[in-house]
Amino acid sequence: MKKILSIIAIAAICATGTAFTFAQKHVETKKHAASEWFDVRFQNDCSSDVKLRIEANGSASEGTLYKKSTESHPLREGYKVYVDGKLFLTASESDGGKTYVVCK
């Protein structure tokens, strides 16, 4: 009886491993090139906080950039950055790694 259970267990393990390997090879994944995303730093040199809004593809992210602080945000080509409700930057790949001062 133990031999039969051992054979069934080994067969199940082999079948599961084969199915898992097959699934791994045939799953389509969408890979993004590393150059699609880039970081841009925003520095607030004001004596007061500013509102930062990033818009893309019909959605937006809002936050506060506190006085005398710096934040880094991942952007893609065409993202729009608003500071206190005014368009500040339309992102392009050449902006990657740059620091923008939002108030002087």
PDB file of N, CA and C in Angstrom:
ATOM      1  N   MET A   1       0.811  -1.183   0.000  1.00  0.00           N
ATOM      2  CA  MET A   1       0.000   0.000   0.000  1.00  0.00           C
ATOM      3  C   MET A   1       0.864   1.261   0.000  1.00  0.00           C
ATOM      4  N   LYS A   2       1.974   1.235   0.793  1.00  0.00           N
ATOM      5  CA  LYS A   2       2.858   2.388   0.845  1.00  0.00           C
ATOM      6  C   LYS A   2       3.509   2.652  -0.506  1.00  0.00           C
ATOM      7  N   LYS A   3       3.820   1.586  -1.226  1.00  0.00           N
ATOM      8  CA  LYS A   3       4.444   1.748  -2.543  1.00  0.00           C
ATOM      9  C   LYS A   3       3.486   2.441  -3.508  1.00  0.00           C
ATOM     10  N   ILE A   4       2.219   2.060  -3.464  1.00  0.00           N
ATOM     11  CA  ILE A   4       1.221   2.656  -4.359  1.00  0.00           C
ATOM     12  C   ILE A   4       1.043   4.138  -4.035  1.00  0.00           C
ATOM     13  N   LEU A   5       0.953   4.489  -2.745  1.00  0.00           N
ATOM     14  CA  LEU A   5       0.814   5.886  -2.336  1.00  0.00           C
ATOM     15  C   LEU A   5       2.050   6.697  -2.717  1.00  0.00           C
ATOM     16  N   SER A   6       3.222   6.099  -2.574  1.00  0.00           N
ATOM     17  CA  SER A   6       4.454   6.783  -2.954  1.00  0.00           C
ATOM     18  C   SER A   6       4.492   7.049  -4.447  1.00  0.00           C
ATOM     19  N   ILE A   7       4.084   6.087  -5.247  1.00  0.00           N
ATOM     20  CA  ILE A   7       4.061   6.244  -6.703  1.00  0.00           C
ATOM     21  C   ILE A   7       3.057   7.324  -7.094  1.00  0.00           C
ATOM     22  N   ILE A   8       1.888   7.329  -6.479  1.00  0.00           N
ATOM     23  CA  ILE A   8       0.866   8.343  -6.783  1.00  0.00           C
ATOM     24  C   ILE A   8       1.371   9.732  -6.386  1.00  0.00           C
ATOM     25  N   ALA A   9       2.027   9.852  -5.241  1.00  0.00           N
ATOM     26  CA  ALA A   9       2.551  11.130  -4.780  1.00  0.00           C
ATOM     27  C   ALA A   9       3.631  11.653  -5.728  1.00  0.00           C
ATOM     28  N   ILE A  10       4.522  10.775  -6.144  1.00  0.00           N
ATOM     29  CA  ILE A  10       5.588  11.168  -7.080  1.00  0.00           C
ATOM     30  C   ILE A  10       4.989  11.580  -8.418  1.00  0.00           C
ATOM     31  N   ALA A  11       4.001  10.851  -8.900  1.00  0.00           N
ATOM     32  CA  ALA A  11       3.339  11.192 -10.161  1.00  0.00           C
ATOM     33  C   ALA A  11       2.642  12.556 -10.065  1.00  0.00           C
ATOM     34  N   ALA A  12       2.005  12.825  -8.932  1.00  0.00           N
ATOM     35  CA  ALA A  12       1.329  14.110  -8.732  1.00  0.00           C
ATOM     36  C   ALA A  12       2.325  15.261  -8.711  1.00  0.00           C
ATOM     37  N   ILE A  13       3.450  15.050  -8.031  1.00  0.00           N
ATOM     38  CA  ILE A  13       4.485  16.085  -7.970  1.00  0.00           C
ATOM     39  C   ILE A  13       5.044  16.363  -9.361  1.00  0.00           C
ATOM     40  N   CYS A  14       5.311  15.324 -10.131  1.00  0.00           N
ATOM     41  CA  CYS A  14       5.830  15.491 -11.494  1.00  0.00           C
ATOM     42  C   CYS A  14       4.817  16.203 -12.386  1.00  0.00           C
ATOM     43  N   ALA A  15       3.552  15.817 -12.279  1.00  0.00           N
ATOM     44  CA  ALA A  15       2.514  16.443 -13.101  1.00  0.00           C
ATOM     45  C   ALA A  15       2.357  17.915 -12.747  1.00  0.00           C
ATOM     46  N   THR A  16       2.379  18.234 -11.466  1.00  0.00           N
ATOM     47  CA  THR A  16       2.249  19.624 -11.024  1.00  0.00           C
ATOM     48  C   THR A  16       3.449  20.446 -11.484  1.00  0.00           C
ATOM     49  N   GLY A  17       4.634  19.915 -11.339  1.00  0.00           N
ATOM     50  CA  GLY A  17       5.839  20.623 -11.772  1.00  0.00           C
ATOM     51  C   GLY A  17       5.842  20.878 -13.259  1.00  0.00           C
ATOM     52  N   THR A  18       5.408  19.900 -14.050  1.00  0.00           N
ATOM     53  CA  THR A  18       5.345  20.063 -15.509  1.00  0.00           C
ATOM     54  C   THR A  18       4.323  21.121 -15.877  1.00  0.00           C
ATOM     55  N   ALA A  19       3.157  21.111 -15.242  1.00  0.00           N
ATOM     56  CA  ALA A  19       2.123  22.101 -15.536  1.00  0.00           C
ATOM     57  C   ALA A  19       2.597  23.495 -15.164  1.00  0.00           C
ATOM     58  N   PHE A  20       3.285  23.629 -14.025  1.00  0.00           N
ATOM     59  CA  PHE A  20       3.777  24.923 -13.585  1.00  0.00           C
ATOM     60  C   PHE A  20       4.834  25.452 -14.544  1.00  0.00           C
ATOM     61  N   THR A  21       5.744  24.598 -14.989  1.00  0.00           N
ATOM     62  CA  THR A  21       6.772  24.997 -15.943  1.00  0.00           C
ATOM     63  C   THR A  21       6.143  25.423 -17.255  1.00  0.00           C
ATOM     64  N   PHE A  22       5.146  24.697 -17.719  1.00  0.00           N
ATOM     65  CA  PHE A  22       4.451  25.045 -18.950  1.00  0.00           C
ATOM     66  C   PHE A  22       3.781  26.410 -18.811  1.00  0.00           C
ATOM     67  N   ALA A  23       3.132  26.648 -17.678  1.00  0.00           N
ATOM     68  CA  ALA A  23       2.444  27.920 -17.456  1.00  0.00           C
ATOM     69  C   ALA A  23       3.435  29.075 -17.426  1.00  0.00           C
ATOM     70  N   GLN A  24       4.590  28.864 -16.819  1.00  0.00           N
ATOM     71  CA  GLN A  24       5.588  29.922 -16.751  1.00  0.00           C
ATOM     72  C   GLN A  24       6.089  30.303 -18.140  1.00  0.00           C
ATOM     73  N   LYS A  25       6.246  29.359 -19.012  1.00  0.00           N
ATOM     74  CA  LYS A  25       6.786  29.629 -20.335  1.00  0.00           C
ATOM     75  C   LYS A  25       5.772  30.293 -21.252  1.00  0.00           C
ATOM     76  N   HIS A  26       4.489  30.125 -20.969  1.00  0.00           N
ATOM     77  CA  HIS A  26       3.472  30.621 -21.883  1.00  0.00           C
ATOM     78  C   HIS A  26       2.677  31.818 -21.376  1.00  0.00           C
ATOM     79  N   VAL A  27       3.078  32.392 -20.274  1.00  0.00           N
ATOM     80  CA  VAL A  27       2.414  33.581 -19.754  1.00  0.00           C
ATOM     81  C   VAL A  27       3.013  34.795 -20.446  1.00  0.00           C
ATOM     82  N   GLU A  28       2.158  35.618 -21.027  1.00  0.00           N
ATOM     83  CA  GLU A  28       2.639  36.835 -21.668  1.00  0.00           C
ATOM     84  C   GLU A  28       2.810  37.914 -20.617  1.00  0.00           C
ATOM     85  N   THR A  29       3.926  38.567 -20.640  1.00  0.00           N
ATOM     86  CA  THR A  29       4.151  39.675 -19.729  1.00  0.00           C
ATOM     87  C   THR A  29       4.491  40.906 -20.544  1.00  0.00           C
ATOM     88  N   LYS A  30       3.989  42.020 -20.093  1.00  0.00           N
ATOM     89  CA  LYS A  30       4.286  43.285 -20.761  1.00  0.00           C
ATOM     90  C   LYS A  30       5.436  43.943 -20.030  1.00  0.00           C
ATOM     91  N   LYS A  31       6.531  44.114 -20.718  1.00  0.00           N
ATOM     92  CA  LYS A  31       7.704  44.713 -20.103  1.00  0.00           C
ATOM     93  C   LYS A  31       7.830  46.153 -20.568  1.00  0.00           C
ATOM     94  N   HIS A  32       8.142  47.013 -19.633  1.00  0.00           N
ATOM     95  CA  HIS A  32       8.358  48.418 -19.951  1.00  0.00           C
ATOM     96  C   HIS A  32       9.852  48.675 -20.029  1.00  0.00           C
ATOM     97  N   ALA A  33      10.226  49.422 -21.012  1.00  0.00           N
ATOM     98  CA  ALA A  33      11.634  49.780 -21.127  1.00  0.00           C
ATOM     99  C   ALA A  33      11.997  50.682 -19.961  1.00  0.00           C
ATOM    100  N   ALA A  34      13.198  50.549 -19.501  1.00  0.00           N
ATOM    101  CA  ALA A  34      13.645  51.337 -18.351  1.00  0.00           C
ATOM    102  C   ALA A  34      13.597  52.833 -18.652  1.00  0.00           C
ATOM    103  N   SER A  35      13.690  53.217 -19.909  1.00  0.00           N
ATOM    104  CA  SER A  35      13.728  54.630 -20.254  1.00  0.00           C
ATOM    105  C   SER A  35      12.349  55.274 -20.252  1.00  0.00           C
ATOM    106  N   GLU A  36      11.268  54.516 -20.107  1.00  0.00           N
ATOM    107  CA  GLU A  36       9.936  55.100 -20.108  1.00  0.00           C
ATOM    108  C   GLU A  36       9.676  55.909 -18.841  1.00  0.00           C
ATOM    109  N   TRP A  37      10.167  55.483 -17.717  1.00  0.00           N
ATOM    110  CA  TRP A  37       9.990  56.189 -16.452  1.00  0.00           C
ATOM    111  C   TRP A  37      11.276  56.922 -16.120  1.00  0.00           C
ATOM    112  N   PHE A  38      11.148  58.114 -15.557  1.00  0.00           N
ATOM    113  CA  PHE A  38      12.315  58.872 -15.128  1.00  0.00           C
ATOM    114  C   PHE A  38      11.929  59.691 -13.903  1.00  0.00           C
ATOM    115  N   ASP A  39      12.876  59.917 -13.040  1.00  0.00           N
ATOM    116  CA  ASP A  39      12.641  60.671 -11.811  1.00  0.00           C
ATOM    117  C   ASP A  39      12.961  62.141 -12.020  1.00  0.00           C
ATOM    118  N   VAL A  40      12.081  62.993 -11.492  1.00  0.00           N
ATOM    119  CA  VAL A  40      12.283  64.435 -11.514  1.00  0.00           C
ATOM    120  C   VAL A  40      12.124  64.922 -10.077  1.00  0.00           C
ATOM    121  N   ARG A  41      13.038  65.771  -9.654  1.00  0.00           N
ATOM    122  CA  ARG A  41      12.985  66.319  -8.297  1.00  0.00           C
ATOM    123  C   ARG A  41      12.383  67.720  -8.337  1.00  0.00           C
ATOM    124  N   PHE A  42      11.550  68.005  -7.343  1.00  0.00           N
ATOM    125  CA  PHE A  42      10.951  69.326  -7.189  1.00  0.00           C
ATOM    126  C   PHE A  42      11.376  69.878  -5.839  1.00  0.00           C
ATOM    127  N   GLN A  43      11.898  71.097  -5.869  1.00  0.00           N
ATOM    128  CA  GLN A  43      12.430  71.727  -4.667  1.00  0.00           C
ATOM    129  C   GLN A  43      11.608  72.975  -4.373  1.00  0.00           C
ATOM    130  N   ASN A  44      11.110  73.077  -3.155  1.00  0.00           N
ATOM    131  CA  ASN A  44      10.324  74.232  -2.740  1.00  0.00           C
ATOM    132  C   ASN A  44      11.199  75.144  -1.897  1.00  0.00           C
ATOM    133  N   ASP A  45      11.599  76.284  -2.457  1.00  0.00           N
ATOM    134  CA  ASP A  45      12.404  77.261  -1.729  1.00  0.00           C
ATOM    135  C   ASP A  45      11.544  78.376  -1.156  1.00  0.00           C
ATOM    136  N   CYS A  46      10.227  78.231  -1.235  1.00  0.00           N
ATOM    137  CA  CYS A  46       9.311  79.245  -0.714  1.00  0.00           C
ATOM    138  C   CYS A  46       9.302  79.214   0.812  1.00  0.00           C
ATOM    139  N   SER A  47       8.732  80.252   1.380  1.00  0.00           N
ATOM    140  CA  SER A  47       8.545  80.280   2.828  1.00  0.00           C
ATOM    141  C   SER A  47       7.179  79.713   3.203  1.00  0.00           C
ATOM    142  N   SER A  48       6.461  79.188   2.183  1.00  0.00           N
ATOM    143  CA  SER A  48       5.160  78.552   2.434  1.00  0.00           C
ATOM    144  C   SER A  48       5.038  77.283   1.589  1.00  0.00           C
ATOM    145  N   ASP A  49       4.089  76.432   1.953  1.00  0.00           N
ATOM    146  CA  ASP A  49       3.846  75.192   1.224  1.00  0.00           C
ATOM    147  C   ASP A  49       3.207  75.488  -0.131  1.00  0.00           C
ATOM    148  N   VAL A  50       3.421  74.594  -1.106  1.00  0.00           N
ATOM    149  CA  VAL A  50       2.769  74.710  -2.413  1.00  0.00           C
ATOM    150  C   VAL A  50       2.059  73.401  -2.725  1.00  0.00           C
ATOM    151  N   LYS A  51       1.004  73.510  -3.510  1.00  0.00           N
ATOM    152  CA  LYS A  51       0.254  72.331  -3.945  1.00  0.00           C
ATOM    153  C   LYS A  51       0.884  71.824  -5.236  1.00  0.00           C
ATOM    154  N   LEU A  52       1.150  70.529  -5.286  1.00  0.00           N
ATOM    155  CA  LEU A  52       1.747  69.894  -6.455  1.00  0.00           C
ATOM    156  C   LEU A  52       0.729  68.900  -7.003  1.00  0.00           C
ATOM    157  N   ARG A  53       0.430  68.994  -8.302  1.00  0.00           N
ATOM    158  CA  ARG A  53      -0.540  68.102  -8.951  1.00  0.00           C
ATOM    159  C   ARG A  53       0.112  67.529 -10.202  1.00  0.00           C
ATOM    160  N   ILE A  54       0.046  66.211 -10.348  1.00  0.00           N
ATOM    161  CA  ILE A  54       0.602  65.539 -11.528  1.00  0.00           C
ATOM    162  C   ILE A  54      -0.551  64.863 -12.247  1.00  0.00           C
ATOM    163  N   GLU A  55      -0.755  65.231 -13.519  1.00  0.00           N
ATOM    164  CA  GLU A  55      -1.842  64.683 -14.320  1.00  0.00           C
ATOM    165  C   GLU A  55      -1.291  63.821 -15.446  1.00  0.00           C
ATOM    166  N   ALA A  56      -2.011  62.696 -15.698  1.00  0.00           N
ATOM    167  CA  ALA A  56      -1.634  61.810 -16.791  1.00  0.00           C
ATOM    168  C   ALA A  56      -2.786  60.884 -17.119  1.00  0.00           C
ATOM    169  N   ASN A  57      -3.034  60.716 -18.383  1.00  0.00           N
ATOM    170  CA  ASN A  57      -4.013  59.735 -18.867  1.00  0.00           C
ATOM    171  C   ASN A  57      -5.376  59.859 -18.194  1.00  0.00           C
ATOM    172  N   GLY A  58      -5.837  61.062 -17.966  1.00  0.00           N
ATOM    173  CA  GLY A  58      -7.155  61.273 -17.396  1.00  0.00           C
ATOM    174  C   GLY A  58      -7.239  61.140 -15.891  1.00  0.00           C
ATOM    175  N   SER A  59      -6.133  60.918 -15.213  1.00  0.00           N
ATOM    176  CA  SER A  59      -6.156  60.850 -13.749  1.00  0.00           C
ATOM    177  C   SER A  59      -5.103  61.803 -13.198  1.00  0.00           C
ATOM    178  N   ALA A  60      -5.180  62.039 -11.897  1.00  0.00           N
ATOM    179  CA  ALA A  60      -4.252  62.988 -11.289  1.00  0.00           C
ATOM    180  C   ALA A  60      -3.868  62.545  -9.883  1.00  0.00           C
ATOM    181  N   SER A  61      -2.718  63.021  -9.474  1.00  0.00           N
ATOM    182  CA  SER A  61      -2.227  62.796  -8.121  1.00  0.00           C
ATOM    183  C   SER A  61      -1.896  64.162  -7.533  1.00  0.00           C
ATOM    184  N   GLU A  62      -2.376  64.430  -6.323  1.00  0.00           N
ATOM    185  CA  GLU A  62      -2.141  65.723  -5.699  1.00  0.00           C
ATOM    186  C   GLU A  62      -1.447  65.556  -4.363  1.00  0.00           C
ATOM    187  N   GLY A  63      -0.680  66.554  -4.025  1.00  0.00           N
ATOM    188  CA  GLY A  63      -0.011  66.534  -2.737  1.00  0.00           C
ATOM    189  C   GLY A  63       0.521  67.908  -2.401  1.00  0.00           C
ATOM    190  N   THR A  64       1.131  68.003  -1.255  1.00  0.00           N
ATOM    191  CA  THR A  64       1.709  69.261  -0.798  1.00  0.00           C
ATOM    192  C   THR A  64       3.216  69.129  -0.771  1.00  0.00           C
ATOM    193  N   LEU A  65       3.876  70.097  -1.341  1.00  0.00           N
ATOM    194  CA  LEU A  65       5.332  70.178  -1.263  1.00  0.00           C
ATOM    195  C   LEU A  65       5.622  71.224  -0.193  1.00  0.00           C
ATOM    196  N   TYR A  66       6.078  70.766   0.934  1.00  0.00           N
ATOM    197  CA  TYR A  66       6.262  71.641   2.082  1.00  0.00           C
ATOM    198  C   TYR A  66       7.427  72.594   1.887  1.00  0.00           C
ATOM    199  N   LYS A  67       7.356  73.732   2.581  1.00  0.00           N
ATOM    200  CA  LYS A  67       8.394  74.755   2.444  1.00  0.00           C
ATOM    201  C   LYS A  67       9.763  74.177   2.775  1.00  0.00           C
ATOM    202  N   LYS A  68      10.741  74.635   2.042  1.00  0.00           N
ATOM    203  CA  LYS A  68      12.141  74.224   2.224  1.00  0.00           C
ATOM    204  C   LYS A  68      12.344  72.715   2.135  1.00  0.00           C
ATOM    205  N   SER A  69      11.586  72.058   1.247  1.00  0.00           N
ATOM    206  CA  SER A  69      11.736  70.608   1.089  1.00  0.00           C
ATOM    207  C   SER A  69      11.920  70.243  -0.379  1.00  0.00           C
ATOM    208  N   THR A  70      12.297  68.995  -0.598  1.00  0.00           N
ATOM    209  CA  THR A  70      12.519  68.464  -1.937  1.00  0.00           C
ATOM    210  C   THR A  70      11.861  67.098  -2.031  1.00  0.00           C
ATOM    211  N   GLU A  71      11.204  66.834  -3.172  1.00  0.00           N
ATOM    212  CA  GLU A  71      10.589  65.530  -3.423  1.00  0.00           C
ATOM    213  C   GLU A  71      10.960  65.054  -4.813  1.00  0.00           C
ATOM    214  N   SER A  72      11.071  63.748  -4.958  1.00  0.00           N
ATOM    215  CA  SER A  72      11.328  63.135  -6.255  1.00  0.00           C
ATOM    216  C   SER A  72      10.068  62.401  -6.692  1.00  0.00           C
ATOM    217  N   HIS A  73       9.706  62.530  -7.972  1.00  0.00           N
ATOM    218  CA  HIS A  73       8.517  61.868  -8.503  1.00  0.00           C
ATOM    219  C   HIS A  73       8.860  61.142  -9.798  1.00  0.00           C
ATOM    220  N   PRO A  74       8.387  59.909  -9.963  1.00  0.00           N
ATOM    221  CA  PRO A  74       8.577  59.209 -11.234  1.00  0.00           C
ATOM    222  C   PRO A  74       7.560  59.733 -12.256  1.00  0.00           C
ATOM    223  N   LEU A  75       8.040  60.119 -13.409  1.00  0.00           N
ATOM    224  CA  LEU A  75       7.185  60.663 -14.461  1.00  0.00           C
ATOM    225  C   LEU A  75       7.420  59.916 -15.761  1.00  0.00           C
ATOM    226  N   ARG A  76       6.507  60.124 -16.688  1.00  0.00           N
ATOM    227  CA  ARG A  76       6.647  59.622 -18.055  1.00  0.00           C
ATOM    228  C   ARG A  76       6.446  60.788 -19.012  1.00  0.00           C
ATOM    229  N   GLU A  77       6.858  60.584 -20.219  1.00  0.00           N
ATOM    230  CA  GLU A  77       6.710  61.584 -21.275  1.00  0.00           C
ATOM    231  C   GLU A  77       5.251  62.048 -21.339  1.00  0.00           C
ATOM    232  N   GLY A  78       5.037  63.377 -21.331  1.00  0.00           N
ATOM    233  CA  GLY A  78       3.704  63.950 -21.475  1.00  0.00           C
ATOM    234  C   GLY A  78       2.963  64.210 -20.185  1.00  0.00           C
ATOM    235  N   TYR A  79       3.463  63.739 -19.048  1.00  0.00           N
ATOM    236  CA  TYR A  79       2.809  64.033 -17.777  1.00  0.00           C
ATOM    237  C   TYR A  79       2.855  65.539 -17.542  1.00  0.00           C
ATOM    238  N   LYS A  80       1.786  66.085 -16.981  1.00  0.00           N
ATOM    239  CA  LYS A  80       1.722  67.517 -16.704  1.00  0.00           C
ATOM    240  C   LYS A  80       1.821  67.738 -15.204  1.00  0.00           C
ATOM    241  N   VAL A  81       2.675  68.683 -14.830  1.00  0.00           N
ATOM    242  CA  VAL A  81       2.887  69.008 -13.418  1.00  0.00           C
ATOM    243  C   VAL A  81       2.389  70.428 -13.183  1.00  0.00           C
ATOM    244  N   TYR A  82       1.491  70.572 -12.213  1.00  0.00           N
ATOM    245  CA  TYR A  82       0.934  71.867 -11.852  1.00  0.00           C
ATOM    246  C   TYR A  82       1.426  72.245 -10.458  1.00  0.00           C
ATOM    247  N   VAL A  83       1.771  73.509 -10.289  1.00  0.00           N
ATOM    248  CA  VAL A  83       2.166  74.038  -8.991  1.00  0.00           C
ATOM    249  C   VAL A  83       1.189  75.144  -8.644  1.00  0.00           C
ATOM    250  N   ASP A  84       0.486  74.992  -7.538  1.00  0.00           N
ATOM    251  CA  ASP A  84      -0.549  75.931  -7.097  1.00  0.00           C
ATOM    252  C   ASP A  84      -1.546  76.241  -8.213  1.00  0.00           C
ATOM    253  N   GLY A  85      -1.930  75.203  -8.961  1.00  0.00           N
ATOM    254  CA  GLY A  85      -2.961  75.321  -9.986  1.00  0.00           C
ATOM    255  C   GLY A  85      -2.487  75.822 -11.345  1.00  0.00           C
ATOM    256  N   LYS A  86      -1.233  76.175 -11.481  1.00  0.00           N
ATOM    257  CA  LYS A  86      -0.702  76.675 -12.757  1.00  0.00           C
ATOM    258  C   LYS A  86       0.223  75.628 -13.367  1.00  0.00           C
ATOM    259  N   LEU A  87       0.107  75.455 -14.683  1.00  0.00           N
ATOM    260  CA  LEU A  87       0.973  74.496 -15.377  1.00  0.00           C
ATOM    261  C   LEU A  87       2.426  74.903 -15.188  1.00  0.00           C
ATOM    262  N   PHE A  88       3.208  73.987 -14.651  1.00  0.00           N
ATOM    263  CA  PHE A  88       4.613  74.257 -14.379  1.00  0.00           C
ATOM    264  C   PHE A  88       5.524  73.528 -15.363  1.00  0.00           C
ATOM    265  N   LEU A  89       5.139  72.287 -15.729  1.00  0.00           N
ATOM    266  CA  LEU A  89       6.023  71.469 -16.551  1.00  0.00           C
ATOM    267  C   LEU A  89       5.223  70.409 -17.292  1.00  0.00           C
ATOM    268  N   THR A  90       5.511  70.244 -18.576  1.00  0.00           N
ATOM    269  CA  THR A  90       5.048  69.083 -19.325  1.00  0.00           C
ATOM    270  C   THR A  90       6.279  68.207 -19.502  1.00  0.00           C
ATOM    271  N   ALA A  91       6.265  67.058 -18.882  1.00  0.00           N
ATOM    272  CA  ALA A  91       7.462  66.223 -18.772  1.00  0.00           C
ATOM    273  C   ALA A  91       7.908  65.644 -20.106  1.00  0.00           C
ATOM    274  N   SER A  92       9.203  65.655 -20.296  1.00  0.00           N
ATOM    275  CA  SER A  92       9.827  64.966 -21.427  1.00  0.00           C
ATOM    276  C   SER A  92      10.987  64.153 -20.865  1.00  0.00           C
ATOM    277  N   GLU A  93      11.428  63.193 -21.619  1.00  0.00           N
ATOM    278  CA  GLU A  93      12.471  62.295 -21.135  1.00  0.00           C
ATOM    279  C   GLU A  93      13.747  63.037 -20.748  1.00  0.00           C
ATOM    280  N   SER A  94      13.981  64.189 -21.369  1.00  0.00           N
ATOM    281  CA  SER A  94      15.185  64.962 -21.045  1.00  0.00           C
ATOM    282  C   SER A  94      15.117  65.589 -19.647  1.00  0.00           C
ATOM    283  N   ASP A  95      13.940  65.572 -19.012  1.00  0.00           N
ATOM    284  CA  ASP A  95      13.798  66.106 -17.658  1.00  0.00           C
ATOM    285  C   ASP A  95      14.307  65.132 -16.598  1.00  0.00           C
ATOM    286  N   GLY A  96      14.546  63.894 -16.964  1.00  0.00           N
ATOM    287  CA  GLY A  96      14.980  62.879 -16.020  1.00  0.00           C
ATOM    288  C   GLY A  96      16.255  63.273 -15.303  1.00  0.00           C
ATOM    289  N   GLY A  97      16.236  63.168 -13.979  1.00  0.00           N
ATOM    290  CA  GLY A  97      17.410  63.485 -13.176  1.00  0.00           C
ATOM    291  C   GLY A  97      17.569  64.954 -12.842  1.00  0.00           C
ATOM    292  N   LYS A  98      16.702  65.811 -13.355  1.00  0.00           N
ATOM    293  CA  LYS A  98      16.806  67.242 -13.093  1.00  0.00           C
ATOM    294  C   LYS A  98      16.075  67.613 -11.805  1.00  0.00           C
ATOM    295  N   THR A  99      16.466  68.751 -11.235  1.00  0.00           N
ATOM    296  CA  THR A  99      15.788  69.320 -10.079  1.00  0.00           C
ATOM    297  C   THR A  99      15.190  70.652 -10.500  1.00  0.00           C
ATOM    298  N   TYR A 100      13.888  70.807 -10.271  1.00  0.00           N
ATOM    299  CA  TYR A 100      13.189  72.037 -10.609  1.00  0.00           C
ATOM    300  C   TYR A 100      12.805  72.754  -9.328  1.00  0.00           C
ATOM    301  N   VAL A 101      13.140  74.033  -9.248  1.00  0.00           N
ATOM    302  CA  VAL A 101      12.782  74.859  -8.104  1.00  0.00           C
ATOM    303  C   VAL A 101      11.411  75.454  -8.393  1.00  0.00           C
ATOM    304  N   VAL A 102      10.445  75.171  -7.524  1.00  0.00           N
ATOM    305  CA  VAL A 102       9.081  75.621  -7.782  1.00  0.00           C
ATOM    306  C   VAL A 102       8.811  77.001  -7.218  1.00  0.00           C
ATOM    307  N   CYS A 103       9.701  77.517  -6.415  1.00  0.00           N
ATOM    308  CA  CYS A 103       9.541  78.864  -5.875  1.00  0.00           C
ATOM    309  C   CYS A 103      10.912  79.410  -5.519  1.00  0.00           C
ATOM    310  N   LYS A 104      11.129  80.680  -5.790  1.00  0.00           N
ATOM    311  CA  LYS A 104      12.428  81.293  -5.493  1.00  0.00           C
ATOM    312  C   LYS A 104      12.279  82.365  -4.468  1.00  0.00           C
TER     313      LYS A 104
END
